[in-house]
Every structure is written in structure tokens, then in C-alpha cells.
Amino acid sequence: ASQQPVAEGLPSTPTQTPQPKAPLPKENSTTSKPVPISAVPTIPLVPGGVEFSLTPAPEAMGWVTSQDGSSYTNVPNIHAGKLNGHTYYGFLQFDLSAIPNGSTVSYANLSLTGLDSQYLAEEGQWQLQLLFTEGNRSWENPSYQTIQQAKTNISIFPPLSAKDLASGAVNTFTFGPEQISILQKHLENNQLQFRLSGPDTASDNRFTWDSGYRN
């Protein structure tokens, strides 16, 4: 491990931002200090290791909704859950091309900062899922159906509960040994694709994370 770079982290490929097809709920997208999504190692590097701290491009992260089937990128918010009978998924795509070929992953985590909890119920679970990547194909304006039906490679445990979520709260998903092993296999595709899913309930229960970007 000391003779190879250590890939510790998770960056992005652009997608186009569509215009809304229907009026959507009013957003509360203000925070005192925006914090971008990032993957930041919190343990010492192995000897000879290299630290990578990567952030998706604004066009490579956002949300989709069953309300109109479209995706919304280059926005300050990432929604997941249920609101007014419609389902929301958040998505993130990281570009790994900066990581040298042959690198070995020793540690990785992904941190999200809460933005808006006004539609959050008292119960429910939110899950971060690493998706299968088909070759080097990236998302370009992914539809709701594309994100919803994407095959899950592995879920990053533990899931988040409602009590873990709040505006300004940082949620960190740390990859375990099995997840690191699977993450390693994604390096050859030069990208990682994640889906954020929330409770599928009849009542409103949606949470919003901060993308760190402002229009």
C-alpha cells in the first residue's frame, strides 16, 4: 500500500439543467454558511499515501421528482423523500479521473450538510446508495425514471433517521471494508454515482441537503 497512491475520497461530469415543467413547492434554500458536499478523510494517511478531497460539479448533482419526471441540477438543494404525494430522489456523480490508475483505496467517507427540514416528519429513514456504473457512461440530464430504476451496487450504512437530520447538521457516511472493496472496483470507470432516497410514505416527509452552490 505504501508504494501506491491512496485514493481517499469521492468529483463529477456535467449534465444540462432542464426548465421546470410544472410549479414546484417553494424552496427554503438559505443557510448562514453553505458547505459543499465533499469526501474528507479523517484518519492519518498510510505511509506514501495521497489524500483526495473531491466535490461534484454543480451540473452533476441535484434531484428528481415524480411530479414532472425531470432532473434539477446546478441548484442549492438536494431533496429526498415525499412531498404532496410526489417522490423525490437526490443524486450525486463524482469524477474520479484525478485519481491515478492503479491506486488503492484505504479510506473514504462522504459528508452532507443539512439545509431545510420544514417538511421533515418525526420518523423515517434516508439512505445513501452507490449505484452500478455502466462503463464510463455519465448521467446527462437524468430523468426521474433513470434515478429511480438505477441498480444499487451497495448501500452505505447506517441509514439516517429523522433525528439525525437538521439544517446545518453534517451527516457523514463512512465506508466500511466491504464498501471500500466495492468502491475500489469503480475506479476503472472514473466515476461514482449515488442516489439519496427517503421514506416512501403517504404523508409529507422530505429532507433537503445543501449542495453548496448558489445561482
Protein backbone atom coordinates (compact mmCIF):
# COMPACT_ATOMS: atom_id res chain seq x y z
CA ALA A 1 0.00 0.00 0.00
CA SER A 2 2.95 2.30 0.66
CA GLN A 3 4.11 2.03 -2.99
CA GLN A 4 0.80 3.05 -4.50
CA PRO A 5 -1.21 6.26 -4.16
CA VAL A 6 -4.13 6.01 -1.80
CA ALA A 7 -7.42 7.18 -3.28
CA GLU A 8 -9.34 8.69 -0.41
CA GLY A 9 -12.45 10.43 -1.48
CA LEU A 10 -15.03 10.56 -3.93
CA PRO A 11 -15.75 14.93 -8.22
CA SER A 12 -18.15 14.95 -11.45
CA THR A 13 -19.29 15.23 -15.05
CA PRO A 14 -21.65 17.85 -16.38
CA THR A 15 -25.33 17.45 -17.08
CA GLN A 16 -27.70 20.00 -18.58
CA THR A 17 -30.23 21.78 -16.39
CA PRO A 18 -33.84 21.48 -17.64
CA GLN A 19 -36.50 24.07 -17.05
CA PRO A 20 -39.33 23.11 -14.65
CA LYS A 21 -42.41 21.73 -16.40
CA ALA A 22 -44.78 22.41 -13.53
CA PRO A 23 -44.86 24.64 -10.45
CA LEU A 24 -42.98 23.04 -7.59
CA PRO A 25 -43.17 23.68 -3.82
CA LYS A 26 -41.50 26.84 -2.58
CA GLU A 27 -37.92 26.18 -1.52
CA ASN A 28 -36.16 27.38 1.59
CA SER A 29 -32.56 27.42 0.38
CA THR A 30 -30.76 29.82 2.67
CA THR A 31 -28.05 28.96 5.15
CA SER A 32 -25.61 31.13 7.04
CA LYS A 33 -22.60 29.38 5.54
CA PRO A 34 -23.02 26.96 2.58
CA VAL A 35 -20.92 23.83 2.91
CA PRO A 36 -20.35 21.83 -0.30
CA ILE A 37 -20.69 18.07 -0.35
CA SER A 38 -17.27 16.53 -0.05
CA ALA A 39 -15.38 13.43 0.87
CA VAL A 40 -12.83 14.27 3.55
CA PRO A 41 -10.61 11.63 5.19
CA THR A 42 -10.48 11.86 8.98
CA ILE A 43 -7.71 9.35 9.69
CA PRO A 44 -3.95 9.57 9.05
CA LEU A 45 -2.75 8.53 5.62
CA VAL A 46 -0.89 5.28 5.21
CA PRO A 47 2.83 5.78 4.52
CA GLY A 48 3.23 7.12 0.99
CA GLY A 49 -0.50 7.72 0.65
CA VAL A 50 -2.18 10.59 -1.16
CA GLU A 51 -5.32 12.34 0.08
CA PHE A 52 -8.10 13.29 -2.33
CA SER A 53 -10.92 15.63 -1.34
CA LEU A 54 -13.45 15.73 -4.16
CA THR A 55 -16.65 17.68 -4.80
CA PRO A 56 -19.18 17.12 -7.61
CA ALA A 57 -19.64 19.82 -10.21
CA PRO A 58 -22.96 21.69 -9.86
CA GLU A 59 -24.22 20.02 -13.04
CA ALA A 60 -23.53 16.56 -11.60
CA MET A 61 -25.70 16.78 -8.50
CA GLY A 62 -29.29 17.65 -7.75
CA TRP A 63 -32.69 15.98 -7.51
CA VAL A 64 -35.51 14.41 -9.50
CA THR A 65 -39.21 14.24 -8.74
CA SER A 66 -42.14 12.12 -9.84
CA GLN A 67 -44.13 15.35 -10.20
CA ASP A 68 -42.70 16.08 -13.65
CA GLY A 69 -40.05 13.38 -14.24
CA SER A 70 -37.28 15.94 -14.76
CA SER A 71 -33.94 16.46 -13.05
CA TYR A 72 -32.77 19.70 -11.46
CA THR A 73 -29.04 20.43 -11.27
CA ASN A 74 -26.90 23.48 -10.54
CA VAL A 75 -29.29 24.22 -7.65
CA PRO A 76 -28.61 24.86 -3.95
CA ASN A 77 -30.71 21.95 -2.71
CA ILE A 78 -30.75 18.14 -2.87
CA HIS A 79 -34.14 16.70 -1.95
CA ALA A 80 -35.05 13.16 -0.86
CA GLY A 81 -38.36 11.87 0.48
CA LYS A 82 -42.04 12.57 -0.13
CA LEU A 83 -43.98 15.83 -0.52
CA ASN A 84 -47.56 16.46 -1.71
CA GLY A 85 -47.80 12.87 -2.92
CA HIS A 86 -44.65 13.11 -5.07
CA THR A 87 -41.40 11.21 -4.55
CA TYR A 88 -38.01 12.94 -4.59
CA TYR A 89 -34.54 11.42 -5.05
CA GLY A 90 -31.24 13.19 -4.67
CA PHE A 91 -28.31 12.21 -6.87
CA LEU A 92 -24.55 12.86 -6.98
CA GLN A 93 -21.92 11.95 -9.52
CA PHE A 94 -18.21 12.13 -8.70
CA ASP A 95 -15.49 12.33 -11.35
CA LEU A 96 -12.55 10.13 -10.33
CA SER A 97 -10.26 10.94 -13.26
CA ALA A 98 -7.88 12.87 -10.96
CA ILE A 99 -7.05 9.64 -9.12
CA PRO A 100 -4.08 7.84 -10.77
CA ASN A 101 -4.66 4.43 -12.33
CA GLY A 102 -3.66 1.60 -10.03
CA SER A 103 -4.44 3.50 -6.86
CA THR A 104 -5.61 1.59 -3.79
CA VAL A 105 -8.43 2.95 -1.66
CA SER A 106 -7.73 2.71 2.07
CA TYR A 107 -10.42 5.02 3.44
CA ALA A 108 -13.41 7.01 2.17
CA ASN A 109 -16.35 8.93 3.51
CA LEU A 110 -18.99 11.27 2.14
CA SER A 111 -20.40 14.22 4.07
CA LEU A 112 -23.68 16.04 3.52
CA THR A 113 -24.79 19.24 5.26
CA GLY A 114 -28.49 19.74 6.01
CA LEU A 115 -30.29 22.74 4.51
CA ASP A 116 -34.06 22.56 5.02
CA SER A 117 -36.14 20.46 7.44
CA GLN A 118 -39.50 22.21 7.09
CA TYR A 119 -41.14 19.13 5.55
CA LEU A 120 -39.42 16.61 7.83
CA ALA A 121 -41.63 14.25 9.86
CA GLU A 122 -40.67 12.68 13.19
CA GLU A 123 -39.83 9.25 11.77
CA GLY A 124 -38.39 7.65 8.63
CA GLN A 125 -35.06 6.61 7.14
CA TRP A 126 -32.85 8.13 4.45
CA GLN A 127 -30.32 6.03 2.59
CA LEU A 128 -27.21 6.75 0.52
CA GLN A 129 -26.77 4.12 -2.22
CA LEU A 130 -23.79 3.56 -4.50
CA LEU A 131 -25.13 2.64 -7.94
CA PHE A 132 -23.79 0.35 -10.64
CA THR A 133 -21.94 2.36 -13.30
CA GLU A 134 -22.26 1.17 -16.89
CA GLY A 135 -18.77 1.55 -18.34
CA ASN A 136 -17.72 5.19 -18.46
CA ARG A 137 -21.20 6.48 -19.25
CA SER A 138 -22.16 9.51 -17.19
CA TRP A 139 -25.56 10.91 -16.38
CA GLU A 140 -26.73 13.64 -18.71
CA ASN A 141 -29.96 15.24 -17.58
CA PRO A 142 -31.13 12.04 -15.86
CA SER A 143 -34.88 11.51 -15.67
CA TYR A 144 -36.80 10.53 -12.56
CA GLN A 145 -37.18 7.03 -14.03
CA THR A 146 -33.42 6.75 -14.61
CA ILE A 147 -32.61 7.56 -10.99
CA GLN A 148 -35.48 5.55 -9.54
CA GLN A 149 -34.70 2.39 -11.51
CA ALA A 150 -30.90 2.54 -11.25
CA LYS A 151 -29.48 -0.68 -9.80
CA THR A 152 -27.95 -0.40 -6.34
CA ASN A 153 -24.42 -1.73 -6.00
CA ILE A 154 -24.34 -1.29 -2.22
CA SER A 155 -25.98 0.83 0.47
CA ILE A 156 -23.73 2.90 2.73
CA PHE A 157 -24.74 2.06 6.31
CA PRO A 158 -26.06 3.10 8.66
CA PRO A 159 -29.13 4.83 7.19
CA LEU A 160 -30.09 8.20 8.62
CA SER A 161 -33.14 8.66 10.83
CA ALA A 162 -35.21 11.83 11.22
CA LYS A 163 -33.38 12.66 14.45
CA ASP A 164 -30.08 12.75 12.50
CA LEU A 165 -31.34 15.45 10.14
CA ALA A 166 -31.39 19.20 10.72
CA SER A 167 -30.46 22.40 8.97
CA GLY A 168 -26.72 22.88 9.41
CA ALA A 169 -26.15 19.33 10.70
CA VAL A 170 -23.39 17.35 8.98
CA ASN A 171 -24.19 13.74 8.07
CA THR A 172 -21.11 11.63 7.33
CA PHE A 173 -21.28 8.22 5.66
CA THR A 174 -18.10 6.24 6.33
CA PHE A 175 -17.27 3.33 4.03
CA GLY A 176 -16.58 0.01 5.75
CA PRO A 177 -14.16 -2.67 4.47
CA GLU A 178 -16.71 -4.35 2.16
CA GLN A 179 -17.82 -0.99 0.80
CA ILE A 180 -14.19 0.04 0.26
CA SER A 181 -13.65 -3.14 -1.75
CA ILE A 182 -16.60 -2.32 -4.00
CA LEU A 183 -15.54 1.30 -4.27
CA GLN A 184 -12.14 0.12 -5.47
CA LYS A 185 -13.78 -1.61 -8.45
CA HIS A 186 -15.39 1.67 -9.53
CA LEU A 187 -12.04 3.41 -10.03
CA GLU A 188 -11.64 1.94 -13.51
CA ASN A 189 -14.87 3.68 -14.58
CA ASN A 190 -13.53 7.05 -13.38
CA GLN A 191 -16.82 7.92 -11.69
CA LEU A 192 -19.15 7.18 -8.81
CA GLN A 193 -22.90 7.64 -8.90
CA PHE A 194 -25.02 7.88 -5.75
CA ARG A 195 -28.73 8.08 -5.02
CA LEU A 196 -30.25 9.59 -1.89
CA SER A 197 -33.62 8.08 -1.06
CA GLY A 198 -36.10 8.86 1.71
CA PRO A 199 -39.21 7.27 3.23
CA ASP A 200 -41.96 6.22 0.83
CA THR A 201 -44.97 7.30 2.84
CA ALA A 202 -48.40 8.76 2.13
CA SER A 203 -47.71 11.84 4.26
CA ASP A 204 -45.10 14.56 3.73
CA ASN A 205 -41.62 13.57 4.85
CA ARG A 206 -38.88 15.24 2.81
CA PHE A 207 -35.45 16.48 3.80
CA THR A 208 -33.13 18.78 1.88
CA TRP A 209 -29.33 18.84 1.92
CA ASP A 210 -27.12 21.73 0.86
CA SER A 211 -25.31 21.32 -2.46
CA GLY A 212 -23.03 24.22 -1.53
CA TYR A 213 -23.81 26.05 -4.76
CA ARG A 214 -25.83 29.23 -5.27
CA ASN A 215 -27.15 30.54 -8.58
